[in-house]
């Protein structure tokens, strides 16, 4: 998810990436047992422009770190 949220705004993503990001949010929400506010509401806020993608990305990053999920920075920086 961190890889796909490196764009400036939601509309910068292709339709394919938007779908992938939504699916990935579901996986993360279930896997980390996130609340609606931490998971899907955060995605909805980013999609609607209520929060910038960078803020959404930082939110995701903080959730991942707080749940002690190991992140491979090489995979995050790969172009998509």
Protein backbone atom coordinates (compact mmCIF):
# COMPACT_ATOMS: atom_id res chain seq x y z
CA UNK A 1 0.00 0.00 0.00
CA UNK A 2 2.83 2.37 0.73
CA UNK A 3 4.03 1.91 -2.83
CA UNK A 4 0.74 3.01 -4.39
CA UNK A 5 0.24 6.00 -2.10
CA UNK A 6 3.32 7.88 -3.31
CA UNK A 7 1.19 9.95 -5.71
CA UNK A 8 0.06 13.51 -5.01
CA UNK A 9 -3.66 12.82 -5.29
CA UNK A 10 -6.06 9.92 -5.73
CA UNK A 11 -6.82 10.80 -9.35
CA UNK A 12 -3.13 10.36 -10.22
CA UNK A 13 -3.65 6.61 -9.83
CA UNK A 14 -4.86 4.46 -12.71
CA UNK A 15 -8.20 2.70 -12.26
CA UNK A 16 -6.29 -0.56 -11.85
CA UNK A 17 -4.20 0.89 -9.02
CA UNK A 18 -7.27 2.37 -7.32
CA UNK A 19 -8.89 -1.07 -7.28
CA UNK A 20 -5.67 -2.68 -6.07
CA UNK A 21 -5.32 -0.12 -3.29
CA UNK A 22 -8.91 -0.73 -2.16
CA UNK A 23 -8.33 -4.49 -2.12
CA UNK A 24 -5.06 -4.07 -0.25
CA UNK A 25 -6.79 -1.84 2.31
CA UNK A 26 -9.20 -4.70 2.99
CA UNK A 27 -6.35 -7.14 3.49
CA UNK A 28 -4.50 -4.75 5.80
CA UNK A 29 -7.67 -3.93 7.76
CA UNK A 30 -8.40 -7.60 8.34
CA UNK A 31 -4.80 -8.60 8.98
CA UNK A 32 -4.14 -5.83 11.48
CA UNK A 33 -7.68 -5.86 12.90
CA UNK A 34 -8.10 -2.14 12.19
CA UNK A 35 -11.09 -0.07 13.16
CA UNK A 36 -13.30 1.35 10.44
CA UNK A 37 -11.77 4.79 11.09
CA UNK A 38 -8.20 3.53 10.74
CA UNK A 39 -8.96 1.46 7.65
CA UNK A 40 -11.72 2.18 5.20
CA UNK A 41 -12.66 5.64 6.45
CA UNK A 42 -9.06 6.75 6.00
CA UNK A 43 -9.13 5.40 2.43
CA UNK A 44 -12.46 7.13 1.76
CA UNK A 45 -11.05 10.42 3.05
CA UNK A 46 -8.07 10.12 0.71
CA UNK A 47 -10.28 9.18 -2.25
CA UNK A 48 -12.58 12.14 -1.70
CA UNK A 49 -9.71 14.58 -1.21
CA UNK A 50 -10.51 15.32 2.44
CA UNK A 51 -6.93 14.38 3.30
CA UNK A 52 -3.92 14.56 0.99
CA UNK A 53 -2.45 11.27 -0.21
CA UNK A 54 0.76 12.06 1.69
CA UNK A 55 -1.22 12.27 4.94
CA UNK A 56 -2.98 8.99 4.11
CA UNK A 57 0.40 7.42 3.37
CA UNK A 58 1.80 8.60 6.71
CA UNK A 59 -1.29 7.22 8.46
CA UNK A 60 -0.73 3.82 6.83
CA UNK A 61 2.95 3.91 7.66
CA UNK A 62 2.23 4.65 11.33
CA UNK A 63 -0.24 1.74 11.49
CA UNK A 64 2.25 -0.62 9.91
CA UNK A 65 5.02 0.46 12.29
CA UNK A 66 2.77 0.30 15.37
CA UNK A 67 1.83 -3.29 14.48
CA UNK A 68 5.52 -4.14 13.99
CA UNK A 69 5.08 -5.20 10.37
CA UNK A 70 8.38 -5.45 8.54
CA UNK A 71 8.55 -3.26 5.44
CA UNK A 72 10.84 -3.82 2.46
CA UNK A 73 11.78 -0.32 1.29
CA UNK A 74 13.14 -1.70 -2.00
CA UNK A 75 9.68 -2.95 -2.96
CA UNK A 76 8.06 0.32 -1.95
CA UNK A 77 10.31 2.42 -4.15
CA UNK A 78 9.83 0.29 -7.28
CA UNK A 79 7.90 2.09 -10.02
CA UNK A 80 4.40 0.86 -10.75
